[in-house]
């Protein structure tokens, strides 16, 4: 049993996605706390994915490349990690190896050092190819992310065999078990972690789980005692819920078991206080460990997608439909051959289930992503699909149109289409995102570079005052505070 455990922080990516629908934090909020995160002493920071890059553009009108560069300036010694899911970048469509290498090289030049590679089908050959592409692009660390799922096919021997195949060729520096649904029990950790460790030998083993049904804190302690060397945790309000276990209690519990966790405790406390204040100021939910719910072992909805699904339902005033949607997820997953509920398949299954419930008719509306899945664009499922559903999708007019679609254009073709005068960073965004969204990001200008939770009420008041017409000078006073606005609104 190793006596030293390191931590990977997930606050700004997975914590933000799981608890706050990926939209809770902007660049300024991240930059404000970055120097403190640098002081903590993390193994690495789970910073961004191509999905989060798209969210930055779409919802915040912020340049994700600028976000990476500025954050890296403030965390010079802590590796930033990029999570990639299959041969795709932002777009749902499969990209060429040439384009993926170009994207990864651009990420490296902007400050990304660690790349975690996950294939949603656990296609070992595809993951080896991705590792080769990533290494060629200049990545310092290439980590295999092995997604966990429950099905008749996925026992300990399956995962151990996949881990051995992934790591025996020297393509990966580390392996981590990625448990998106928070379904690894303490009992399963006792058998699965030793099996994985035996398969990968001296390579470091990491564990990433969620608190969705309250299992994460317990499975983490067992994982540490049975071969895991690094655990993925989040800060205070961005932890728990459907996110990762909170860092402070994990640290305390590990030390109580006799492990060394070499972090700056003052920086940990400062970071927790910051995100607690931020969540309270911004009206973001403060994460609490989920109640145990056996239904999760059936639908297996992961933390990130659960957060997104709740946000989507709330925005359309249909939050009450969540139980029905989750029940439908079970049926859709079975129809599609039990795909592993991880990006992009959790989105594929979750979206189809949502449409089935909202429309009142199953498969009345079938998104293109579901059609592409059935057509085999993402690989072959481990178990057979429902024949009726598969026939319905394959026989549709849209399926014929998608089958005739050309594959991802070459790099030169994309350059010709989107203009040769663009920076590499803007070119990539325009190649995979709607033009109007990128236009809005460019027009918005640079992101703010700081954030103070205490100043938000004052800034909100100032914006409200200056938006009104007909006001003259405005003076606000209270003990210890004075604000004067000359000609506040014209």
Protein backbone atom coordinates (compact mmCIF):
# COMPACT_ATOMS: atom_id res chain seq x y z
CA UNK A 1 0.00 0.00 0.00
CA UNK A 2 1.47 3.35 -1.02
CA UNK A 3 1.79 5.78 1.85
CA UNK A 4 1.57 8.96 -0.24
CA UNK A 5 -1.56 10.01 -2.08
CA UNK A 6 -1.69 12.97 -4.44
CA UNK A 7 -4.76 14.92 -5.54
CA UNK A 8 -6.03 16.14 -8.89
CA UNK A 9 -8.38 19.10 -8.66
CA UNK A 10 -11.58 18.97 -10.73
CA UNK A 11 -13.27 22.20 -9.57
CA UNK A 12 -13.16 24.31 -12.72
CA UNK A 13 -14.06 21.53 -15.16
CA UNK A 14 -15.93 18.52 -13.80
CA UNK A 15 -17.09 20.21 -10.60
CA UNK A 16 -18.38 23.17 -12.59
CA UNK A 17 -20.04 20.84 -15.08
CA UNK A 18 -21.53 18.41 -12.59
CA UNK A 19 -22.98 20.89 -10.11
CA UNK A 20 -23.45 24.00 -12.23
CA UNK A 21 -24.20 22.75 -15.73
CA UNK A 22 -20.72 23.81 -16.97
CA UNK A 23 -21.85 27.47 -17.00
CA UNK A 24 -21.27 28.53 -13.38
CA UNK A 25 -17.72 29.83 -13.79
CA UNK A 26 -16.25 32.34 -16.19
CA UNK A 27 -12.62 33.17 -16.91
CA UNK A 28 -12.34 35.96 -14.34
CA UNK A 29 -13.62 33.70 -11.56
CA UNK A 30 -11.02 31.07 -12.42
CA UNK A 31 -8.15 33.52 -12.72
CA UNK A 32 -8.89 35.11 -9.35
CA UNK A 33 -8.27 31.86 -7.47
CA UNK A 34 -5.60 30.40 -9.76
CA UNK A 35 -2.56 31.53 -7.68
CA UNK A 36 -4.09 29.86 -4.62
CA UNK A 37 -4.68 26.66 -6.58
CA UNK A 38 -1.03 26.78 -7.63
CA UNK A 39 -0.01 26.88 -3.95
CA UNK A 40 -2.07 23.82 -2.98
CA UNK A 41 0.31 21.34 -4.57
CA UNK A 42 -1.98 19.35 -6.84
CA UNK A 43 -0.73 16.54 -9.03
CA UNK A 44 -2.58 18.40 -11.80
CA UNK A 45 -5.69 20.46 -12.45
CA UNK A 46 -8.52 19.00 -14.53
CA UNK A 47 -8.94 22.23 -16.44
CA UNK A 48 -10.86 21.93 -19.70
CA UNK A 49 -12.23 19.75 -22.50
CA UNK A 50 -13.36 20.61 -26.00
CA UNK A 51 -16.93 20.63 -24.68
CA UNK A 52 -16.00 23.25 -22.09
CA UNK A 53 -14.24 25.27 -24.77
CA UNK A 54 -17.52 25.35 -26.68
CA UNK A 55 -19.42 26.37 -23.53
CA UNK A 56 -17.00 29.27 -22.98
CA UNK A 57 -17.77 30.55 -26.47
CA UNK A 58 -21.50 29.82 -26.52
CA UNK A 59 -22.58 30.90 -23.05
CA UNK A 60 -19.88 33.32 -21.88
CA UNK A 61 -18.68 34.81 -25.18
CA UNK A 62 -15.16 34.15 -23.88
CA UNK A 63 -12.15 32.93 -25.80
CA UNK A 64 -11.19 29.50 -24.35
CA UNK A 65 -7.66 29.81 -25.68
CA UNK A 66 -7.22 33.07 -23.78
CA UNK A 67 -8.61 31.31 -20.68
CA UNK A 68 -6.00 28.55 -20.95
CA UNK A 69 -3.10 30.97 -21.49
CA UNK A 70 -4.01 33.30 -18.63
CA UNK A 71 -4.69 30.49 -16.19
CA UNK A 72 -1.39 28.81 -17.07
CA UNK A 73 0.47 32.06 -16.38
CA UNK A 74 -0.91 31.91 -12.84
CA UNK A 75 -0.23 28.17 -12.33
CA UNK A 76 3.25 27.76 -13.83
CA UNK A 77 4.26 24.56 -11.99
CA UNK A 78 0.93 22.70 -11.88
CA UNK A 79 0.12 20.69 -15.03
CA UNK A 80 -3.21 21.56 -16.64
CA UNK A 81 -5.18 18.59 -17.97
CA UNK A 82 -7.32 18.32 -21.08
CA UNK A 83 -9.92 15.53 -21.34
CA UNK A 84 -10.71 14.22 -24.80
CA UNK A 85 -13.40 11.68 -25.64
CA UNK A 86 -12.72 9.86 -28.86
CA UNK A 87 -11.60 11.22 -32.20
CA UNK A 88 -13.66 14.42 -31.98
CA UNK A 89 -13.08 18.05 -31.10
CA UNK A 90 -16.15 20.08 -30.00
CA UNK A 91 -18.14 18.77 -32.96
CA UNK A 92 -20.02 15.48 -32.63
CA UNK A 93 -18.54 14.35 -35.92
CA UNK A 94 -15.48 12.11 -36.06
CA UNK A 95 -12.44 14.19 -37.01
CA UNK A 96 -9.35 13.23 -38.96
CA UNK A 97 -6.13 12.35 -37.14
CA UNK A 98 -4.52 15.29 -38.93
CA UNK A 99 -7.07 17.72 -37.48
CA UNK A 100 -6.88 16.22 -33.98
CA UNK A 101 -3.09 16.47 -33.96
CA UNK A 102 -3.37 20.09 -35.06
CA UNK A 103 -5.85 20.84 -32.25
CA UNK A 104 -3.69 19.11 -29.65
CA UNK A 105 -0.54 20.89 -30.85
CA UNK A 106 -2.38 24.20 -30.51
CA UNK A 107 -3.50 23.26 -27.00
CA UNK A 108 0.10 22.44 -26.06
CA UNK A 109 1.34 25.77 -27.41
CA UNK A 110 -1.26 27.55 -25.27
CA UNK A 111 -0.28 25.80 -22.02
CA UNK A 112 -1.88 22.35 -21.81
CA UNK A 113 0.55 19.68 -20.62
CA UNK A 114 -1.50 16.63 -19.65
CA UNK A 115 -3.99 14.90 -21.94
CA UNK A 116 -6.44 12.32 -20.59
CA UNK A 117 -7.73 10.15 -23.41
CA UNK A 118 -10.99 8.27 -23.12
CA UNK A 119 -12.81 6.24 -25.73
CA UNK A 120 -16.52 5.82 -24.90
CA UNK A 121 -16.51 2.32 -26.43
CA UNK A 122 -13.25 1.32 -24.71
CA UNK A 123 -11.82 0.67 -28.15
CA UNK A 124 -8.21 -0.15 -27.26
CA UNK A 125 -6.91 0.25 -30.82
CA UNK A 126 -8.55 3.68 -31.09
CA UNK A 127 -7.09 4.75 -27.74
CA UNK A 128 -3.61 3.66 -28.78
CA UNK A 129 -3.93 5.70 -31.99
CA UNK A 130 -5.10 8.69 -29.98
CA UNK A 131 -2.12 8.35 -27.65
CA UNK A 132 0.23 8.35 -30.63
CA UNK A 133 -1.44 11.45 -32.09
CA UNK A 134 -1.29 13.24 -28.74
CA UNK A 135 2.35 12.35 -28.14
CA UNK A 136 3.24 13.56 -31.63
CA UNK A 137 1.54 16.87 -30.82
CA UNK A 138 3.95 17.42 -27.93
CA UNK A 139 2.00 16.42 -24.81
CA UNK A 140 4.13 15.95 -21.67
CA UNK A 141 1.74 13.44 -20.06
CA UNK A 142 -0.61 11.06 -21.83
CA UNK A 143 -3.09 9.37 -19.50
CA UNK A 144 -5.51 6.56 -20.33
CA UNK A 145 -8.97 7.20 -18.89
CA UNK A 146 -10.78 3.87 -18.55
CA UNK A 147 -14.55 4.46 -18.18
CA UNK A 148 -16.38 2.28 -15.69
CA UNK A 149 -19.81 0.85 -16.34
CA UNK A 150 -22.10 -1.92 -15.15
CA UNK A 151 -23.23 -4.53 -17.64
CA UNK A 152 -23.03 -8.30 -18.07
CA UNK A 153 -19.84 -7.80 -20.11
CA UNK A 154 -17.89 -5.48 -17.81
CA UNK A 155 -16.38 -7.46 -14.93
CA UNK A 156 -13.01 -6.94 -13.23
CA UNK A 157 -11.28 -9.20 -15.76
CA UNK A 158 -12.60 -7.07 -18.63
CA UNK A 159 -11.22 -3.83 -17.17
CA UNK A 160 -7.90 -5.44 -16.22
CA UNK A 161 -7.45 -6.81 -19.73
CA UNK A 162 -8.24 -3.42 -21.28
CA UNK A 163 -5.81 -1.71 -18.89
CA UNK A 164 -3.03 -4.16 -19.77
CA UNK A 165 -3.54 -3.70 -23.52
CA UNK A 166 -3.55 0.09 -23.16
CA UNK A 167 -0.38 0.37 -21.11
CA UNK A 168 1.87 -2.51 -22.18
CA UNK A 169 3.08 -0.76 -25.34
CA UNK A 170 4.44 2.30 -23.52
CA UNK A 171 1.89 4.63 -25.09
CA UNK A 172 0.52 5.89 -21.78
CA UNK A 173 2.22 7.37 -18.72
CA UNK A 174 -0.64 6.74 -16.28
CA UNK A 175 -4.08 5.15 -16.11
CA UNK A 176 -7.14 6.35 -14.28
CA UNK A 177 -10.42 4.61 -13.67
CA UNK A 178 -13.16 7.05 -14.61
CA UNK A 179 -16.42 6.33 -12.79
CA UNK A 180 -18.82 8.93 -14.29
CA UNK A 181 -21.92 7.58 -12.58
CA UNK A 182 -20.37 7.26 -9.12
CA UNK A 183 -21.21 3.55 -9.17
CA UNK A 184 -18.02 1.97 -7.83
CA UNK A 185 -18.87 0.72 -4.36
CA UNK A 186 -16.28 0.28 -1.63
CA UNK A 187 -16.61 -3.48 -2.10
CA UNK A 188 -15.99 -3.23 -5.85
CA UNK A 189 -12.96 -0.99 -5.26
CA UNK A 190 -11.40 -3.72 -3.12
CA UNK A 191 -11.33 -6.13 -6.05
CA UNK A 192 -11.10 -3.83 -9.08
CA UNK A 193 -8.19 -1.64 -7.96
CA UNK A 194 -5.82 -4.58 -7.29
CA UNK A 195 -6.80 -6.11 -10.64
CA UNK A 196 -5.98 -2.86 -12.45
CA UNK A 197 -2.74 -2.37 -10.54
CA UNK A 198 -1.61 -5.89 -11.37
CA UNK A 199 -2.35 -5.22 -15.05
CA UNK A 200 -0.42 -1.93 -15.33
CA UNK A 201 2.58 -2.76 -13.14
CA UNK A 202 4.58 0.26 -11.96
CA UNK A 203 2.47 2.87 -13.77
CA UNK A 204 0.56 5.25 -11.48
CA UNK A 205 -3.14 4.46 -10.97
CA UNK A 206 -5.67 7.26 -10.43
CA UNK A 207 -9.33 7.12 -9.44
CA UNK A 208 -12.09 9.52 -10.47
CA UNK A 209 -15.62 9.09 -9.13
CA UNK A 210 -18.70 11.10 -8.15
CA UNK A 211 -20.88 11.58 -5.08
CA UNK A 212 -24.11 11.19 -7.02
CA UNK A 213 -25.44 8.47 -4.72
CA UNK A 214 -23.03 9.05 -1.86
CA UNK A 215 -20.50 6.32 -2.66
CA UNK A 216 -17.49 8.40 -3.71
CA UNK A 217 -15.97 9.21 -0.28
CA UNK A 218 -16.12 5.54 0.74
CA UNK A 219 -14.77 4.09 -2.50
CA UNK A 220 -11.92 6.64 -2.49
CA UNK A 221 -10.58 5.35 0.83
CA UNK A 222 -10.71 1.75 -0.35
CA UNK A 223 -9.09 2.68 -3.66
CA UNK A 224 -6.22 4.36 -1.80
CA UNK A 225 -5.69 1.23 0.28
CA UNK A 226 -5.73 -1.05 -2.77
CA UNK A 227 -3.40 0.57 -5.29
CA UNK A 228 -4.63 4.04 -6.31
CA UNK A 229 -1.95 6.73 -6.00
CA UNK A 230 -3.97 9.82 -6.98
CA UNK A 231 -7.59 10.77 -6.24
CA UNK A 232 -9.66 13.38 -8.06
CA UNK A 233 -11.37 15.87 -5.73
CA UNK A 234 -13.11 19.25 -5.92
CA UNK A 235 -13.36 22.32 -3.74
CA UNK A 236 -16.22 22.91 -1.26
CA UNK A 237 -19.36 23.98 -3.12
CA UNK A 238 -18.14 22.58 -6.46
CA UNK A 239 -17.78 19.17 -4.80
CA UNK A 240 -20.34 16.57 -3.71
CA UNK A 241 -23.74 16.67 -5.39
CA UNK A 242 -23.09 14.93 -8.69
CA UNK A 243 -19.45 16.07 -8.56
CA UNK A 244 -16.35 14.57 -6.96
CA UNK A 245 -15.74 14.17 -3.21
CA UNK A 246 -14.71 17.35 -1.41
CA UNK A 247 -10.96 17.77 -1.00
CA UNK A 248 -10.79 18.77 2.70
CA UNK A 249 -12.57 15.72 4.17
CA UNK A 250 -10.79 13.37 1.75
CA UNK A 251 -7.46 14.78 2.92
CA UNK A 252 -8.45 14.41 6.56
CA UNK A 253 -9.70 10.84 6.10
CA UNK A 254 -6.60 9.76 4.18
CA UNK A 255 -4.35 11.15 6.89
CA UNK A 256 -6.43 9.39 9.52
CA UNK A 257 -5.68 6.13 7.70
CA UNK A 258 -1.96 6.91 7.87
CA UNK A 259 -1.41 8.29 4.37
CA UNK A 260 0.71 11.33 3.58
CA UNK A 261 -1.14 14.00 1.57
CA UNK A 262 1.43 16.69 0.84
CA UNK A 263 -0.70 19.78 0.23
CA UNK A 264 -0.77 23.32 1.62
CA UNK A 265 -3.68 23.19 4.07
CA UNK A 266 -3.99 26.99 4.25
CA UNK A 267 -4.31 27.19 0.47
CA UNK A 268 -6.95 24.43 0.55
CA UNK A 269 -8.96 26.38 3.14
CA UNK A 270 -8.58 29.63 1.19
CA UNK A 271 -9.75 27.93 -1.99
CA UNK A 272 -12.76 26.38 -0.26
CA UNK A 273 -13.75 29.73 1.26
CA UNK A 274 -13.52 31.43 -2.14
CA UNK A 275 -15.76 28.95 -3.95
CA UNK A 276 -18.24 28.89 -1.06
CA UNK A 277 -18.55 32.69 -1.24
CA UNK A 278 -18.73 32.60 -5.04
CA UNK A 279 -21.55 30.05 -5.04
CA UNK A 280 -23.53 32.05 -2.48
CA UNK A 281 -23.08 35.30 -4.41
CA UNK A 282 -23.90 33.82 -7.82
CA UNK A 283 -26.85 31.74 -6.61
CA UNK A 284 -25.13 28.45 -7.44
CA UNK A 285 -26.09 25.28 -5.65
CA UNK A 286 -23.70 24.27 -2.88
CA UNK A 287 -22.99 20.58 -3.37
CA UNK A 288 -24.07 18.04 -0.78
CA UNK A 289 -23.51 14.26 -0.97
CA UNK A 290 -26.37 12.58 -2.82
CA UNK A 291 -28.71 10.17 -1.14
CA UNK A 292 -28.20 6.54 -2.03
CA UNK A 293 -30.49 5.71 -4.95
CA UNK A 294 -30.33 2.20 -6.44
CA UNK A 295 -31.95 3.44 -9.65
CA UNK A 296 -28.58 4.87 -10.66
CA UNK A 297 -27.25 1.36 -11.11
CA UNK A 298 -29.80 1.05 -13.94
CA UNK A 299 -29.75 4.39 -15.78
CA UNK A 300 -26.10 5.21 -14.82
CA UNK A 301 -26.48 8.90 -15.67
CA UNK A 302 -23.09 10.55 -14.98
CA UNK A 303 -22.60 13.63 -12.85
CA UNK A 304 -21.80 16.06 -15.66
CA UNK A 305 -24.76 15.09 -17.79
CA UNK A 306 -27.06 15.02 -14.76
CA UNK A 307 -26.14 18.64 -14.06
CA UNK A 308 -26.73 19.61 -17.68
CA UNK A 309 -30.03 17.71 -17.81
CA UNK A 310 -31.32 19.46 -14.68
CA UNK A 311 -30.36 22.83 -16.13
CA UNK A 312 -32.09 22.11 -19.45
CA UNK A 313 -35.28 20.98 -17.73
CA UNK A 314 -35.27 23.99 -15.39
CA UNK A 315 -34.76 26.42 -18.29
CA UNK A 316 -37.86 25.03 -20.02
CA UNK A 317 -39.84 24.89 -16.74
CA UNK A 318 -39.98 21.08 -16.84
CA UNK A 319 -37.88 20.22 -13.79
CA UNK A 320 -40.72 17.99 -12.54
CA UNK A 321 -40.11 15.62 -15.47
CA UNK A 322 -36.66 14.54 -14.25
CA UNK A 323 -37.83 11.22 -12.70
CA UNK A 324 -39.64 10.29 -15.93
CA UNK A 325 -36.64 11.20 -18.04
CA UNK A 326 -34.31 9.08 -15.90
CA UNK A 327 -36.65 6.12 -16.16
CA UNK A 328 -36.74 6.58 -19.93
CA UNK A 329 -32.94 6.73 -19.98
CA UNK A 330 -32.89 3.11 -18.82
CA UNK A 331 -35.04 2.05 -21.77
CA UNK A 332 -33.15 4.10 -24.35
CA UNK A 333 -29.81 2.78 -23.10
CA UNK A 334 -31.10 -0.79 -23.48
CA UNK A 335 -32.44 0.02 -26.95
CA UNK A 336 -29.01 1.27 -28.02
CA UNK A 337 -27.07 -1.76 -26.80
CA UNK A 338 -26.06 -0.49 -23.34
CA UNK A 339 -23.48 2.16 -24.29
CA UNK A 340 -21.20 3.32 -21.49
CA UNK A 341 -22.81 6.40 -19.97
CA UNK A 342 -19.98 8.82 -20.58
CA UNK A 343 -19.45 11.67 -23.07
CA UNK A 344 -20.72 11.61 -25.77
CA UNK A 345 -23.05 8.65 -25.11
CA UNK A 346 -24.59 10.07 -21.94
CA UNK A 347 -25.62 13.08 -24.05
CA UNK A 348 -26.89 10.84 -26.86
CA UNK A 349 -29.00 8.70 -24.52
CA UNK A 350 -30.09 11.57 -22.25
CA UNK A 351 -31.20 13.79 -25.11
CA UNK A 352 -33.22 11.01 -26.76
CA UNK A 353 -34.87 10.15 -23.43
CA UNK A 354 -35.73 13.80 -22.84
CA UNK A 355 -37.31 14.11 -26.30
CA UNK A 356 -39.26 10.89 -25.81
CA UNK A 357 -40.78 12.18 -22.56
CA UNK A 358 -41.45 15.73 -23.68
CA UNK A 359 -43.04 14.71 -26.99
CA UNK A 360 -45.11 11.95 -25.41
CA UNK A 361 -44.06 9.52 -28.14
CA UNK A 362 -40.93 7.40 -28.14
CA UNK A 363 -38.55 8.16 -31.02
CA UNK A 364 -40.93 10.66 -32.60
CA UNK A 365 -37.92 12.96 -32.89
CA UNK A 366 -34.48 11.42 -33.35
CA UNK A 367 -31.44 13.72 -33.09
CA UNK A 368 -28.67 13.37 -35.64
CA UNK A 369 -26.29 12.21 -32.91
CA UNK A 370 -28.53 9.22 -32.16
CA UNK A 371 -28.77 8.40 -35.86
CA UNK A 372 -25.00 8.59 -36.24
CA UNK A 373 -24.61 6.29 -33.23
CA UNK A 374 -26.94 3.70 -34.76
CA UNK A 375 -25.09 4.00 -38.07
CA UNK A 376 -21.88 3.04 -36.30
CA UNK A 377 -20.09 6.38 -36.47
CA UNK A 378 -18.97 6.01 -32.84
CA UNK A 379 -18.08 2.31 -33.01
CA UNK A 380 -19.91 -0.92 -32.28
CA UNK A 381 -21.81 -1.34 -28.98
CA UNK A 382 -20.85 -4.22 -26.71
CA UNK A 383 -24.36 -5.69 -26.77
CA UNK A 384 -26.99 -5.83 -29.59
CA UNK A 385 -29.36 -2.94 -30.14
CA UNK A 386 -33.15 -3.25 -30.08
CA UNK A 387 -33.94 -4.47 -33.60
CA UNK A 388 -37.10 -2.40 -34.02
CA UNK A 389 -35.42 0.82 -32.92
CA UNK A 390 -32.37 0.16 -35.06
CA UNK A 391 -34.53 -0.54 -38.14
CA UNK A 392 -36.61 2.58 -37.52
CA UNK A 393 -33.51 4.77 -37.37
CA UNK A 394 -31.69 3.14 -40.30
CA UNK A 395 -34.73 3.31 -42.58
CA UNK A 396 -35.34 7.02 -41.96
CA UNK A 397 -34.74 9.62 -44.64
CA UNK A 398 -32.31 11.43 -42.34
CA UNK A 399 -30.20 8.30 -41.90
CA UNK A 400 -29.77 8.06 -45.66
CA UNK A 401 -28.69 11.71 -45.76
CA UNK A 402 -26.17 11.25 -42.94
CA UNK A 403 -24.79 8.09 -44.52
CA UNK A 404 -24.03 10.11 -47.63
CA UNK A 405 -22.25 12.84 -45.67
CA UNK A 406 -18.55 13.22 -46.42
CA UNK A 407 -16.14 12.60 -43.58
CA UNK A 408 -14.28 15.42 -41.88
CA UNK A 409 -12.57 17.66 -44.40
CA UNK A 410 -8.79 17.80 -44.56
CA UNK A 411 -6.88 20.55 -42.79
CA UNK A 412 -6.20 22.34 -46.08
CA UNK A 413 -9.87 22.14 -47.08
CA UNK A 414 -10.93 23.57 -43.74
CA UNK A 415 -8.38 26.37 -44.06
CA UNK A 416 -9.68 27.22 -47.52
CA UNK A 417 -13.29 27.21 -46.29
CA UNK A 418 -12.77 29.26 -43.14
CA UNK A 419 -10.05 31.63 -44.28
CA UNK A 420 -6.28 31.53 -44.20
CA UNK A 421 -5.86 34.84 -42.37
CA UNK A 422 -7.06 33.52 -39.04
CA UNK A 423 -4.96 32.54 -36.06
CA UNK A 424 -4.76 28.81 -35.44
CA UNK A 425 -6.96 29.25 -32.37
CA UNK A 426 -9.78 31.11 -34.10
CA UNK A 427 -9.56 28.83 -37.13
CA UNK A 428 -10.18 25.74 -34.97
CA UNK A 429 -13.23 27.31 -33.36
CA UNK A 430 -14.68 28.35 -36.72
CA UNK A 431 -14.05 24.88 -38.16
CA UNK A 432 -16.21 23.17 -35.53
CA UNK A 433 -18.66 25.79 -34.21
CA UNK A 434 -21.45 27.99 -35.64
CA UNK A 435 -20.02 31.19 -37.09
CA UNK A 436 -22.42 33.47 -35.23
CA UNK A 437 -21.26 32.14 -31.87
CA UNK A 438 -17.61 32.72 -32.70
CA UNK A 439 -18.48 36.18 -34.07
CA UNK A 440 -20.15 37.06 -30.76
CA UNK A 441 -17.09 35.89 -28.84
CA UNK A 442 -14.76 38.01 -30.97
CA UNK A 443 -17.04 41.06 -30.63
CA UNK A 444 -17.18 40.62 -26.86
CA UNK A 445 -13.45 41.20 -26.52
CA UNK A 446 -11.07 40.03 -23.79
CA UNK A 447 -12.47 38.36 -20.69
CA UNK A 448 -12.27 40.04 -17.31
CA UNK A 449 -9.23 38.92 -15.35
CA UNK A 450 -10.52 38.99 -11.80
CA UNK A 451 -13.57 38.52 -9.61
CA UNK A 452 -14.59 39.56 -6.10
CA UNK A 453 -17.75 37.95 -4.67
CA UNK A 454 -18.17 40.90 -2.27
CA UNK A 455 -18.29 43.44 -5.09
CA UNK A 456 -21.05 41.77 -7.10
CA UNK A 457 -24.02 43.48 -5.35
CA UNK A 458 -22.40 46.88 -5.89
CA UNK A 459 -21.61 46.13 -9.54
CA UNK A 460 -25.17 44.90 -10.12
CA UNK A 461 -26.51 48.11 -8.57
CA UNK A 462 -24.23 50.25 -10.72
CA UNK A 463 -25.34 48.45 -13.88
CA UNK A 464 -28.99 48.94 -12.92
CA UNK A 465 -28.51 52.64 -12.19
CA UNK A 466 -26.53 53.39 -15.33
CA UNK A 467 -29.13 51.59 -17.46
CA UNK A 468 -31.86 54.01 -16.41
CA UNK A 469 -32.50 57.24 -18.26
CA UNK A 470 -33.20 60.59 -16.65
CA UNK A 471 -31.08 60.16 -13.52
CA UNK A 472 -28.60 62.84 -12.54
CA UNK A 473 -25.87 62.42 -9.98
CA UNK A 474 -26.14 59.42 -7.69
CA UNK A 475 -24.61 59.17 -4.22
CA UNK A 476 -24.64 56.05 -2.07
CA UNK A 477 -23.31 56.07 1.47
CA UNK A 478 -23.13 53.67 4.37
CA UNK A 479 -20.59 53.22 7.17
CA UNK A 480 -17.23 52.56 5.59
CA UNK A 481 -18.49 52.93 2.01
CA UNK A 482 -19.17 55.88 -0.30
CA UNK A 483 -20.00 55.85 -4.01
CA UNK A 484 -20.70 58.86 -6.23
CA UNK A 485 -21.72 58.67 -9.88
CA UNK A 486 -21.70 61.99 -11.75
CA UNK A 487 -24.27 62.09 -14.51
CA UNK A 488 -25.18 58.47 -13.82
CA UNK A 489 -27.56 58.15 -16.74
CA UNK A 490 -28.37 60.44 -19.64
